[in-house]
Amino acid sequence: QQAKSKTTLYLFVFITLALTVAGLAEWAMRYLSWDYQDTAPFPYVGAGFLGLTFLVAGFNYLQYTQVGGRYVAESAGGVLIDPQTARAEERQLLNLVEEMAIATSLPVPPVYRLPAKEINAFAAGTCPENAAIAVTSGCLQKLNRDELQAVLAHEFGHIYNRDMVIGMRVAAMITGFFVMSYLGLRLLQMSAYSSNRREDRQSQGNPVALVALIFLVGGAVTWFFGSILQAMVSRQREFLADACSVQYTRNPSGLANALRKIGDLPVSDMPKQSKPFAHLYFNQHASFWARLFATHPPLEERITAIEEASSLSSQV
């Protein structure tokens, strides 16, 4: 309940951020350009900033929805596990995936194996029908059955709650903010080049240059704070997936012990081609700035939340 309510709050703040910066962009244009103030009854700059941001975000989201989980897992270096595999560890993995699919009433997703020694896993896709799960070799070799089941239940929690769709919508908005900043930079460069060509110093203060500067600053500010909000939304969905894991397995210690093993194994050897999808899987972050933009909560917080909830449940 806490994770869902905080996610709603952060998404509201996300939209408010875009509206606020669009309003400030319009105010700045009217304050700095008397000609614009006298001749523009409609808020062209603010509406343009907002409209272009959402247009780019919508286009990117449509692009994301065309990409299924199989594509992401294969792009990250995953190898599809044959449903008829005879290897004991892979057979157990597929059996657990089927168990979780039954427990959640979701389709059985294809399962991929990532050639990495670290303990990690992720779910990808835009809906349960095109979702896929990827698991590292470290998961299969270092986790016992209960721990592996808990990790898989966590990933099914992401699929069940459609966290991937929320993440893609937020990522699309971040892309929109970035494009606005880039557009402002390009317009500013073009305006400066045009001014030099005409050798007209007064043209450096022309409205196009002013709009470009406003877009550049507005896009940079929204991108920076939007990235922080994106990480905060992602962290809340991780807590939600942890809660779902406990709900599906009825075994809080399974996930807590798996998280402890992740913390005790300082190995980082995920395939290089998986970096574009690093927000999907677990990463440890030590510095303040790294944690500020981290998409996963610290291990200690997750373990504490699981054990405290388990303790309260047992008391009831």
C-alpha atoms as a PDB file:
ATOM      1  CA  GLN A   1       0.000   0.000   0.000  1.00  0.00           C
ATOM      2  CA  GLN A   2       2.825   2.387   0.852  1.00  0.00           C
ATOM      3  CA  ALA A   3       4.649   1.624  -2.402  1.00  0.00           C
ATOM      4  CA  LYS A   4       1.550   2.127  -4.536  1.00  0.00           C
ATOM      5  CA  SER A   5       0.577   5.389  -2.816  1.00  0.00           C
ATOM      6  CA  LYS A   6       4.106   6.784  -3.104  1.00  0.00           C
ATOM      7  CA  THR A   7       4.264   5.811  -6.774  1.00  0.00           C
ATOM      8  CA  THR A   8       1.042   7.745  -7.412  1.00  0.00           C
ATOM      9  CA  LEU A   9       2.469  10.743  -5.557  1.00  0.00           C
ATOM     10  CA  TYR A  10       5.727  10.684  -7.521  1.00  0.00           C
ATOM     11  CA  LEU A  11       3.902  10.416 -10.849  1.00  0.00           C
ATOM     12  CA  PHE A  12       1.779  13.419  -9.846  1.00  0.00           C
ATOM     13  CA  VAL A  13       4.950  15.338  -8.965  1.00  0.00           C
ATOM     14  CA  PHE A  14       6.367  14.308 -12.346  1.00  0.00           C
ATOM     15  CA  ILE A  15       3.472  15.930 -14.231  1.00  0.00           C
ATOM     16  CA  THR A  16       3.533  18.948 -11.909  1.00  0.00           C
ATOM     17  CA  LEU A  17       7.244  19.394 -12.650  1.00  0.00           C
ATOM     18  CA  ALA A  18       6.589  19.527 -16.393  1.00  0.00           C
ATOM     19  CA  LEU A  19       3.704  21.990 -15.985  1.00  0.00           C
ATOM     20  CA  THR A  20       5.685  24.216 -13.599  1.00  0.00           C
ATOM     21  CA  VAL A  21       8.731  24.449 -15.861  1.00  0.00           C
ATOM     22  CA  ALA A  22       6.483  25.174 -18.868  1.00  0.00           C
ATOM     23  CA  GLY A  23       4.876  27.990 -16.880  1.00  0.00           C
ATOM     24  CA  LEU A  24       8.272  29.351 -15.838  1.00  0.00           C
ATOM     25  CA  ALA A  25       9.465  29.185 -19.458  1.00  0.00           C
ATOM     26  CA  GLU A  26       6.497  31.298 -20.550  1.00  0.00           C
ATOM     27  CA  TRP A  27       7.057  33.763 -17.687  1.00  0.00           C
ATOM     28  CA  ALA A  28      10.761  34.086 -18.520  1.00  0.00           C
ATOM     29  CA  MET A  29       9.991  34.769 -22.155  1.00  0.00           C
ATOM     30  CA  ARG A  30       7.478  37.491 -21.296  1.00  0.00           C
ATOM     31  CA  TYR A  31       9.790  39.021 -18.680  1.00  0.00           C
ATOM     32  CA  LEU A  32      12.864  39.109 -20.911  1.00  0.00           C
ATOM     33  CA  SER A  33      11.221  40.019 -24.227  1.00  0.00           C
ATOM     34  CA  TRP A  34       8.980  43.103 -24.335  1.00  0.00           C
ATOM     35  CA  ASP A  35       8.121  42.471 -27.982  1.00  0.00           C
ATOM     36  CA  TYR A  36       6.811  39.006 -27.151  1.00  0.00           C
ATOM     37  CA  GLN A  37       4.832  40.361 -24.206  1.00  0.00           C
ATOM     38  CA  ASP A  38       3.096  42.925 -26.418  1.00  0.00           C
ATOM     39  CA  THR A  39       2.396  40.714 -29.433  1.00  0.00           C
ATOM     40  CA  ALA A  40       1.706  37.208 -28.020  1.00  0.00           C
ATOM     41  CA  PRO A  41      -1.649  36.871 -26.240  1.00  0.00           C
ATOM     42  CA  PHE A  42      -1.290  33.054 -26.342  1.00  0.00           C
ATOM     43  CA  PRO A  43       1.455  31.344 -24.240  1.00  0.00           C
ATOM     44  CA  TYR A  44       3.331  29.980 -27.238  1.00  0.00           C
ATOM     45  CA  VAL A  45       6.621  29.248 -25.474  1.00  0.00           C
ATOM     46  CA  GLY A  46       5.101  27.458 -22.480  1.00  0.00           C
ATOM     47  CA  ALA A  47       2.641  25.517 -24.620  1.00  0.00           C
ATOM     48  CA  GLY A  48       5.392  24.697 -27.107  1.00  0.00           C
ATOM     49  CA  PHE A  49       7.690  23.396 -24.371  1.00  0.00           C
ATOM     50  CA  LEU A  50       4.930  21.261 -22.875  1.00  0.00           C
ATOM     51  CA  GLY A  51       3.530  20.087 -26.199  1.00  0.00           C
ATOM     52  CA  LEU A  52       6.884  19.072 -27.665  1.00  0.00           C
ATOM     53  CA  THR A  53       7.882  17.303 -24.436  1.00  0.00           C
ATOM     54  CA  PHE A  54       4.736  15.169 -24.396  1.00  0.00           C
ATOM     55  CA  LEU A  55       4.936  14.600 -28.170  1.00  0.00           C
ATOM     56  CA  VAL A  56       8.461  13.201 -27.883  1.00  0.00           C
ATOM     57  CA  ALA A  57       7.486  11.203 -24.793  1.00  0.00           C
ATOM     58  CA  GLY A  58       4.459   9.726 -26.565  1.00  0.00           C
ATOM     59  CA  PHE A  59       6.506   8.765 -29.619  1.00  0.00           C
ATOM     60  CA  ASN A  60       9.153   7.073 -27.474  1.00  0.00           C
ATOM     61  CA  TYR A  61       6.543   5.218 -25.442  1.00  0.00           C
ATOM     62  CA  LEU A  62       4.981   3.847 -28.627  1.00  0.00           C
ATOM     63  CA  GLN A  63       8.446   2.687 -29.641  1.00  0.00           C
ATOM     64  CA  TYR A  64       8.941   0.993 -26.279  1.00  0.00           C
ATOM     65  CA  THR A  65       5.622  -0.847 -26.495  1.00  0.00           C
ATOM     66  CA  GLN A  66       6.770  -2.513 -29.701  1.00  0.00           C
ATOM     67  CA  VAL A  67       9.712  -4.104 -27.862  1.00  0.00           C
ATOM     68  CA  GLY A  68       8.903  -7.324 -26.030  1.00  0.00           C
ATOM     69  CA  GLY A  69      10.754  -8.956 -23.175  1.00  0.00           C
ATOM     70  CA  ARG A  70      12.469 -11.450 -25.488  1.00  0.00           C
ATOM     71  CA  TYR A  71      14.232  -8.634 -27.314  1.00  0.00           C
ATOM     72  CA  VAL A  72      15.490  -7.088 -24.064  1.00  0.00           C
ATOM     73  CA  ALA A  73      16.696 -10.432 -22.650  1.00  0.00           C
ATOM     74  CA  GLU A  74      18.513 -11.343 -25.855  1.00  0.00           C
ATOM     75  CA  SER A  75      19.988  -7.856 -26.205  1.00  0.00           C
ATOM     76  CA  ALA A  76      21.345  -8.198 -22.669  1.00  0.00           C
ATOM     77  CA  GLY A  77      23.222 -11.362 -23.674  1.00  0.00           C
ATOM     78  CA  GLY A  78      20.687 -13.891 -22.455  1.00  0.00           C
ATOM     79  CA  VAL A  79      20.379 -17.389 -23.930  1.00  0.00           C
ATOM     80  CA  LEU A  80      16.929 -18.965 -24.051  1.00  0.00           C
ATOM     81  CA  ILE A  81      16.657 -22.042 -21.824  1.00  0.00           C
ATOM     82  CA  ASP A  82      15.247 -24.994 -23.709  1.00  0.00           C
ATOM     83  CA  PRO A  83      11.954 -26.087 -22.092  1.00  0.00           C
ATOM     84  CA  GLN A  84      13.169 -29.677 -22.556  1.00  0.00           C
ATOM     85  CA  THR A  85      16.552 -29.076 -20.913  1.00  0.00           C
ATOM     86  CA  ALA A  86      17.997 -31.986 -18.958  1.00  0.00           C
ATOM     87  CA  ARG A  87      20.335 -29.893 -16.788  1.00  0.00           C
ATOM     88  CA  ALA A  88      19.179 -30.184 -13.174  1.00  0.00           C
ATOM     89  CA  GLU A  89      19.625 -26.515 -12.217  1.00  0.00           C
ATOM     90  CA  GLU A  90      17.806 -25.303 -15.321  1.00  0.00           C
ATOM     91  CA  ARG A  91      15.060 -27.875 -14.865  1.00  0.00           C
ATOM     92  CA  GLN A  92      14.502 -26.621 -11.304  1.00  0.00           C
ATOM     93  CA  LEU A  93      14.446 -23.024 -12.565  1.00  0.00           C
ATOM     94  CA  LEU A  94      11.769 -23.773 -15.164  1.00  0.00           C
ATOM     95  CA  ASN A  95       9.704 -25.698 -12.611  1.00  0.00           C
ATOM     96  CA  LEU A  96       9.812 -22.723 -10.230  1.00  0.00           C
ATOM     97  CA  VAL A  97       8.816 -20.338 -13.015  1.00  0.00           C
ATOM     98  CA  GLU A  98       5.804 -22.531 -13.780  1.00  0.00           C
ATOM     99  CA  GLU A  99       4.889 -22.605 -10.083  1.00  0.00           C
ATOM    100  CA  MET A 100       4.988 -18.811  -9.870  1.00  0.00           C
ATOM    101  CA  ALA A 101       2.953 -18.488 -13.070  1.00  0.00           C
ATOM    102  CA  ILE A 102       0.244 -20.655 -11.490  1.00  0.00           C
ATOM    103  CA  ALA A 103       0.413 -18.722  -8.199  1.00  0.00           C
ATOM    104  CA  THR A 104      -0.010 -15.367  -9.992  1.00  0.00           C
ATOM    105  CA  SER A 105      -2.385 -16.577 -12.747  1.00  0.00           C
ATOM    106  CA  LEU A 106       0.020 -15.210 -15.370  1.00  0.00           C
ATOM    107  CA  PRO A 107       1.284 -16.811 -18.590  1.00  0.00           C
ATOM    108  CA  VAL A 108       4.519 -18.773 -18.308  1.00  0.00           C
ATOM    109  CA  PRO A 109       7.206 -16.429 -19.710  1.00  0.00           C
ATOM    110  CA  PRO A 110      10.282 -17.584 -21.633  1.00  0.00           C
ATOM    111  CA  VAL A 111      13.331 -17.843 -19.371  1.00  0.00           C
ATOM    112  CA  TYR A 112      16.825 -16.722 -20.339  1.00  0.00           C
ATOM    113  CA  ARG A 113      20.168 -17.474 -18.749  1.00  0.00           C
ATOM    114  CA  LEU A 114      22.757 -14.687 -18.472  1.00  0.00           C
ATOM    115  CA  PRO A 115      26.448 -15.700 -18.433  1.00  0.00           C
ATOM    116  CA  ALA A 116      27.388 -13.904 -15.216  1.00  0.00           C
ATOM    117  CA  LYS A 117      28.636 -15.127 -11.836  1.00  0.00           C
ATOM    118  CA  GLU A 118      26.859 -12.418  -9.847  1.00  0.00           C
ATOM    119  CA  ILE A 119      23.404 -13.036  -8.378  1.00  0.00           C
ATOM    120  CA  ASN A 120      20.943 -11.097 -10.480  1.00  0.00           C
ATOM    121  CA  ALA A 121      17.690 -11.342 -12.424  1.00  0.00           C
ATOM    122  CA  PHE A 122      15.228  -9.120 -14.229  1.00  0.00           C
ATOM    123  CA  ALA A 123      11.835  -9.176 -15.924  1.00  0.00           C
ATOM    124  CA  ALA A 124      11.216  -7.282 -19.151  1.00  0.00           C
ATOM    125  CA  GLY A 125       8.281  -6.649 -21.460  1.00  0.00           C
ATOM    126  CA  THR A 126       5.266  -4.360 -21.761  1.00  0.00           C
ATOM    127  CA  CYS A 127       2.542  -6.816 -20.694  1.00  0.00           C
ATOM    128  CA  PRO A 128       2.270 -10.325 -19.224  1.00  0.00           C
ATOM    129  CA  GLU A 129       1.804 -11.771 -22.709  1.00  0.00           C
ATOM    130  CA  ASN A 130       5.206 -10.592 -24.021  1.00  0.00           C
ATOM    131  CA  ALA A 131       7.170 -10.649 -20.768  1.00  0.00           C
ATOM    132  CA  ALA A 132      10.418 -12.553 -20.310  1.00  0.00           C
ATOM    133  CA  ILE A 133      12.599 -13.367 -17.310  1.00  0.00           C
ATOM    134  CA  ALA A 134      16.389 -13.444 -17.321  1.00  0.00           C
ATOM    135  CA  VAL A 135      18.431 -15.097 -14.567  1.00  0.00           C
ATOM    136  CA  THR A 136      22.202 -15.159 -14.133  1.00  0.00           C
ATOM    137  CA  SER A 137      24.228 -18.335 -13.741  1.00  0.00           C
ATOM    138  CA  GLY A 138      25.167 -17.023 -10.302  1.00  0.00           C
ATOM    139  CA  CYS A 139      21.523 -17.280  -9.232  1.00  0.00           C
ATOM    140  CA  LEU A 140      21.386 -20.937 -10.230  1.00  0.00           C
ATOM    141  CA  GLN A 141      24.705 -21.817  -8.623  1.00  0.00           C
ATOM    142  CA  LYS A 142      24.597 -19.829  -5.372  1.00  0.00           C
ATOM    143  CA  LEU A 143      20.940 -19.730  -4.329  1.00  0.00           C
ATOM    144  CA  ASN A 144      19.054 -22.631  -2.786  1.00  0.00           C
ATOM    145  CA  ARG A 145      15.557 -23.532  -3.928  1.00  0.00           C
ATOM    146  CA  ASP A 146      13.702 -21.230  -1.510  1.00  0.00           C
ATOM    147  CA  GLU A 147      15.936 -18.272  -2.318  1.00  0.00           C
ATOM    148  CA  LEU A 148      15.654 -18.797  -6.077  1.00  0.00           C
ATOM    149  CA  GLN A 149      11.880 -19.130  -5.761  1.00  0.00           C
ATOM    150  CA  ALA A 150      11.749 -15.828  -3.859  1.00  0.00           C
ATOM    151  CA  VAL A 151      13.820 -14.034  -6.515  1.00  0.00           C
ATOM    152  CA  LEU A 152      11.548 -15.355  -9.269  1.00  0.00           C
ATOM    153  CA  ALA A 153       8.462 -14.352  -7.271  1.00  0.00           C
ATOM    154  CA  HIS A 154       9.939 -10.845  -7.045  1.00  0.00           C
ATOM    155  CA  GLU A 155      10.240 -10.706 -10.830  1.00  0.00           C
ATOM    156  CA  PHE A 156       6.691 -12.009 -11.239  1.00  0.00           C
ATOM    157  CA  GLY A 157       5.642  -9.198  -8.918  1.00  0.00           C
ATOM    158  CA  HIS A 158       7.058  -6.728 -11.440  1.00  0.00           C
ATOM    159  CA  ILE A 159       5.096  -8.406 -14.229  1.00  0.00           C
ATOM    160  CA  TYR A 160       1.874  -8.634 -12.230  1.00  0.00           C
ATOM    161  CA  ASN A 161       1.949  -4.979 -11.174  1.00  0.00           C
ATOM    162  CA  ARG A 162       2.961  -3.852 -14.687  1.00  0.00           C
ATOM    163  CA  ASP A 163       5.987  -2.054 -13.282  1.00  0.00           C
ATOM    164  CA  MET A 164       7.628  -2.283 -16.687  1.00  0.00           C
ATOM    165  CA  VAL A 165       4.884  -0.164 -18.253  1.00  0.00           C
ATOM    166  CA  ILE A 166       5.180   2.469 -15.513  1.00  0.00           C
ATOM    167  CA  GLY A 167       8.947   2.491 -15.924  1.00  0.00           C
ATOM    168  CA  MET A 168       8.681   2.916 -19.685  1.00  0.00           C
ATOM    169  CA  ARG A 169       6.221   5.798 -19.363  1.00  0.00           C
ATOM    170  CA  VAL A 170       8.529   7.589 -16.950  1.00  0.00           C
ATOM    171  CA  ALA A 171      11.539   6.831 -19.185  1.00  0.00           C
ATOM    172  CA  ALA A 172       9.645   8.306 -22.139  1.00  0.00           C
ATOM    173  CA  MET A 173       9.054  11.522 -20.192  1.00  0.00           C
ATOM    174  CA  ILE A 174      12.741  11.700 -19.267  1.00  0.00           C
ATOM    175  CA  THR A 175      13.587  11.340 -22.948  1.00  0.00           C
ATOM    176  CA  GLY A 176      11.196  14.193 -23.736  1.00  0.00           C
ATOM    177  CA  PHE A 177      12.948  16.456 -21.230  1.00  0.00           C
ATOM    178  CA  PHE A 178      16.355  15.545 -22.645  1.00  0.00           C
ATOM    179  CA  VAL A 179      15.248  16.213 -26.217  1.00  0.00           C
ATOM    180  CA  MET A 180      13.937  19.662 -25.223  1.00  0.00           C
ATOM    181  CA  SER A 181      17.308  20.518 -23.718  1.00  0.00           C
ATOM    182  CA  TYR A 182      19.100  19.237 -26.809  1.00  0.00           C
ATOM    183  CA  LEU A 183      16.708  21.149 -29.079  1.00  0.00           C
ATOM    184  CA  GLY A 184      17.440  24.339 -27.137  1.00  0.00           C
ATOM    185  CA  LEU A 185      21.183  23.752 -27.487  1.00  0.00           C
ATOM    186  CA  ARG A 186      20.922  23.225 -31.237  1.00  0.00           C
ATOM    187  CA  LEU A 187      18.713  26.307 -31.691  1.00  0.00           C
ATOM    188  CA  LEU A 188      21.191  28.356 -29.668  1.00  0.00           C
ATOM    189  CA  GLN A 189      24.063  27.166 -31.840  1.00  0.00           C
ATOM    190  CA  MET A 190      22.129  27.927 -35.029  1.00  0.00           C
ATOM    191  CA  SER A 191      21.193  31.380 -33.744  1.00  0.00           C
ATOM    192  CA  ALA A 192      24.821  32.201 -32.884  1.00  0.00           C
ATOM    193  CA  TYR A 193      25.976  30.956 -36.284  1.00  0.00           C
ATOM    194  CA  SER A 194      23.335  33.054 -38.031  1.00  0.00           C
ATOM    195  CA  SER A 195      24.367  36.122 -36.017  1.00  0.00           C
ATOM    196  CA  ASN A 196      28.020  35.678 -36.980  1.00  0.00           C
ATOM    197  CA  ARG A 197      27.109  35.275 -40.624  1.00  0.00           C
ATOM    198  CA  ARG A 198      25.151  38.544 -40.642  1.00  0.00           C
ATOM    199  CA  GLU A 199      27.694  40.294 -38.387  1.00  0.00           C
ATOM    200  CA  ASP A 200      24.821  41.818 -36.496  1.00  0.00           C
ATOM    201  CA  ARG A 201      25.606  41.922 -32.794  1.00  0.00           C
ATOM    202  CA  GLN A 202      22.099  42.962 -31.857  1.00  0.00           C
ATOM    203  CA  SER A 203      20.747  39.758 -33.357  1.00  0.00           C
ATOM    204  CA  GLN A 204      22.362  37.810 -30.532  1.00  0.00           C
ATOM    205  CA  GLY A 205      19.474  38.980 -28.383  1.00  0.00           C
ATOM    206  CA  ASN A 206      16.834  37.906 -30.878  1.00  0.00           C
ATOM    207  CA  PRO A 207      13.720  35.990 -29.746  1.00  0.00           C
ATOM    208  CA  VAL A 208      14.922  32.713 -31.289  1.00  0.00           C
ATOM    209  CA  ALA A 209      18.074  32.763 -29.164  1.00  0.00           C
ATOM    210  CA  LEU A 210      16.010  33.601 -26.085  1.00  0.00           C
ATOM    211  CA  VAL A 211      13.572  30.737 -26.746  1.00  0.00           C
ATOM    212  CA  ALA A 212      16.531  28.414 -27.322  1.00  0.00           C
ATOM    213  CA  LEU A 213      18.120  29.414 -24.010  1.00  0.00           C
ATOM    214  CA  ILE A 214      14.820  28.915 -22.163  1.00  0.00           C
ATOM    215  CA  PHE A 215      14.349  25.468 -23.732  1.00  0.00           C
ATOM    216  CA  LEU A 216      17.943  24.527 -22.907  1.00  0.00           C
ATOM    217  CA  VAL A 217      17.677  25.524 -19.244  1.00  0.00           C
ATOM    218  CA  GLY A 218      14.117  24.221 -18.842  1.00  0.00           C
ATOM    219  CA  GLY A 219      14.974  20.878 -20.440  1.00  0.00           C
ATOM    220  CA  ALA A 220      18.106  20.476 -18.317  1.00  0.00           C
ATOM    221  CA  VAL A 221      16.261  21.271 -15.073  1.00  0.00           C
ATOM    222  CA  THR A 222      13.360  18.915 -15.835  1.00  0.00           C
ATOM    223  CA  TRP A 223      15.746  16.184 -16.975  1.00  0.00           C
ATOM    224  CA  PHE A 224      17.806  16.419 -13.759  1.00  0.00           C
ATOM    225  CA  PHE A 225      14.903  16.398 -11.327  1.00  0.00           C
ATOM    226  CA  GLY A 226      12.922  14.024 -13.539  1.00  0.00           C
ATOM    227  CA  SER A 227      15.775  11.511 -13.377  1.00  0.00           C
ATOM    228  CA  ILE A 228      15.693  11.678  -9.578  1.00  0.00           C
ATOM    229  CA  LEU A 229      11.915  11.150  -9.613  1.00  0.00           C
ATOM    230  CA  GLN A 230      12.346   8.255 -12.037  1.00  0.00           C
ATOM    231  CA  ALA A 231      14.724   6.576  -9.589  1.00  0.00           C
ATOM    232  CA  MET A 232      12.320   7.200  -6.692  1.00  0.00           C
ATOM    233  CA  VAL A 233       9.424   5.623  -8.622  1.00  0.00           C
ATOM    234  CA  SER A 234      11.591   2.626  -9.482  1.00  0.00           C
ATOM    235  CA  ARG A 235      12.672   2.152  -5.863  1.00  0.00           C
ATOM    236  CA  GLN A 236       9.057   2.092  -4.689  1.00  0.00           C
ATOM    237  CA  ARG A 237       8.191  -0.556  -7.293  1.00  0.00           C
ATOM    238  CA  GLU A 238      11.082  -2.646  -5.940  1.00  0.00           C
ATOM    239  CA  PHE A 239       9.560  -2.542  -2.451  1.00  0.00           C
ATOM    240  CA  LEU A 240       6.228  -3.537  -4.007  1.00  0.00           C
ATOM    241  CA  ALA A 241       7.843  -6.473  -5.833  1.00  0.00           C
ATOM    242  CA  ASP A 242       9.479  -7.567  -2.557  1.00  0.00           C
ATOM    243  CA  ALA A 243       6.071  -7.535  -0.870  1.00  0.00           C
ATOM    244  CA  CYS A 244       4.627  -9.580  -3.743  1.00  0.00           C
ATOM    245  CA  SER A 245       7.450 -12.102  -3.417  1.00  0.00           C
ATOM    246  CA  VAL A 246       6.610 -12.669   0.231  1.00  0.00           C
ATOM    247  CA  GLN A 247       2.909 -12.856  -0.621  1.00  0.00           C
ATOM    248  CA  TYR A 248       3.396 -15.459  -3.361  1.00  0.00           C
ATOM    249  CA  THR A 249       5.899 -17.688  -1.545  1.00  0.00           C
ATOM    250  CA  ARG A 250       4.686 -17.214   2.052  1.00  0.00           C
ATOM    251  CA  ASN A 251       8.368 -17.359   2.940  1.00  0.00           C
ATOM    252  CA  PRO A 252       9.929 -13.995   3.940  1.00  0.00           C
ATOM    253  CA  SER A 253      13.263 -15.580   4.846  1.00  0.00           C
ATOM    254  CA  GLY A 254      13.744 -16.816   1.274  1.00  0.00           C
ATOM    255  CA  LEU A 255      13.988 -13.323  -0.213  1.00  0.00           C
ATOM    256  CA  ALA A 256      15.793 -11.856   2.804  1.00  0.00           C
ATOM    257  CA  ASN A 257      18.487 -14.550   2.598  1.00  0.00           C
ATOM    258  CA  ALA A 258      18.815 -14.081  -1.166  1.00  0.00           C
ATOM    259  CA  LEU A 259      19.381 -10.344  -0.670  1.00  0.00           C
ATOM    260  CA  ARG A 260      22.008 -11.075   1.966  1.00  0.00           C
ATOM    261  CA  LYS A 261      23.865 -13.335  -0.444  1.00  0.00           C
ATOM    262  CA  ILE A 262      23.772 -10.566  -3.056  1.00  0.00           C
ATOM    263  CA  GLY A 263      25.374  -8.211  -0.554  1.00  0.00           C
ATOM    264  CA  ASP A 264      28.005 -10.762   0.486  1.00  0.00           C
ATOM    265  CA  LEU A 265      29.056 -11.435  -3.113  1.00  0.00           C
ATOM    266  CA  PRO A 266      30.783  -8.277  -4.427  1.00  0.00           C
ATOM    267  CA  VAL A 267      30.924  -9.554  -8.000  1.00  0.00           C
ATOM    268  CA  SER A 268      29.965  -7.308 -10.917  1.00  0.00           C
ATOM    269  CA  ASP A 269      30.298  -9.142 -14.215  1.00  0.00           C
ATOM    270  CA  MET A 270      27.004  -8.570 -16.006  1.00  0.00           C
ATOM    271  CA  PRO A 271      27.446  -8.679 -19.819  1.00  0.00           C
ATOM    272  CA  LYS A 272      28.519  -5.344 -21.301  1.00  0.00           C
ATOM    273  CA  GLN A 273      25.614  -5.351 -23.740  1.00  0.00           C
ATOM    274  CA  SER A 274      23.195  -5.309 -20.793  1.00  0.00           C
ATOM    275  CA  LYS A 275      24.200  -1.781 -19.678  1.00  0.00           C
ATOM    276  CA  PRO A 276      21.279  -0.057 -21.501  1.00  0.00           C
ATOM    277  CA  PHE A 277      18.943  -2.177 -19.358  1.00  0.00           C
ATOM    278  CA  ALA A 278      20.855  -1.763 -16.082  1.00  0.00           C
ATOM    279  CA  HIS A 279      17.825  -0.093 -14.460  1.00  0.00           C
ATOM    280  CA  LEU A 280      15.996  -3.451 -14.660  1.00  0.00           C
ATOM    281  CA  TYR A 281      18.377  -5.427 -12.466  1.00  0.00           C
ATOM    282  CA  PHE A 282      20.033  -4.938  -9.094  1.00  0.00           C
ATOM    283  CA  ASN A 283      23.075  -2.700  -8.672  1.00  0.00           C
ATOM    284  CA  GLN A 284      24.854  -1.634  -5.498  1.00  0.00           C
ATOM    285  CA  HIS A 285      25.567   2.086  -5.080  1.00  0.00           C
ATOM    286  CA  ALA A 286      27.947   3.460  -2.494  1.00  0.00           C
ATOM    287  CA  SER A 287      28.192   7.221  -3.028  1.00  0.00           C
ATOM    288  CA  PHE A 288      25.472   9.757  -2.234  1.00  0.00           C
ATOM    289  CA  TRP A 289      24.994  10.780  -5.865  1.00  0.00           C
ATOM    290  CA  ALA A 290      24.890   7.167  -7.017  1.00  0.00           C
ATOM    291  CA  ARG A 291      22.202   6.366  -4.462  1.00  0.00           C
ATOM    292  CA  LEU A 292      20.254   9.487  -5.426  1.00  0.00           C
ATOM    293  CA  PHE A 293      19.878   8.164  -8.981  1.00  0.00           C
ATOM    294  CA  ALA A 294      19.766   4.473  -7.997  1.00  0.00           C
ATOM    295  CA  THR A 295      16.782   2.524  -9.326  1.00  0.00           C
ATOM    296  CA  HIS A 296      16.942  -0.012  -6.476  1.00  0.00           C
ATOM    297  CA  PRO A 297      16.777   0.664  -2.710  1.00  0.00           C
ATOM    298  CA  PRO A 298      19.750  -0.263  -0.494  1.00  0.00           C
ATOM    299  CA  LEU A 299      19.803  -3.919   0.497  1.00  0.00           C
ATOM    300  CA  GLU A 300      19.610  -3.078   4.186  1.00  0.00           C
ATOM    301  CA  GLU A 301      16.335  -1.176   3.731  1.00  0.00           C
ATOM    302  CA  ARG A 302      14.765  -3.995   1.741  1.00  0.00           C
ATOM    303  CA  ILE A 303      15.779  -6.675   4.242  1.00  0.00           C
ATOM    304  CA  THR A 304      14.568  -4.548   7.162  1.00  0.00           C
ATOM    305  CA  ALA A 305      11.209  -3.933   5.479  1.00  0.00           C
ATOM    306  CA  ILE A 306      10.732  -7.664   4.842  1.00  0.00           C
ATOM    307  CA  GLU A 307      11.660  -8.736   8.355  1.00  0.00           C
ATOM    308  CA  GLU A 308       9.639  -6.002  10.073  1.00  0.00           C
ATOM    309  CA  ALA A 309       6.555  -6.839   8.018  1.00  0.00           C
ATOM    310  CA  SER A 310       7.073 -10.533   8.742  1.00  0.00           C
ATOM    311  CA  SER A 311       7.402  -9.822  12.464  1.00  0.00           C
ATOM    312  CA  LEU A 312       4.180  -7.770  12.520  1.00  0.00           C
ATOM    313  CA  SER A 313       2.360 -10.459  10.568  1.00  0.00           C
ATOM    314  CA  SER A 314       3.435 -13.196  12.999  1.00  0.00           C
ATOM    315  CA  GLN A 315       2.287 -11.080  15.962  1.00  0.00           C
ATOM    316  CA  VAL A 316      -1.151 -10.627  14.407  1.00  0.00           C
END
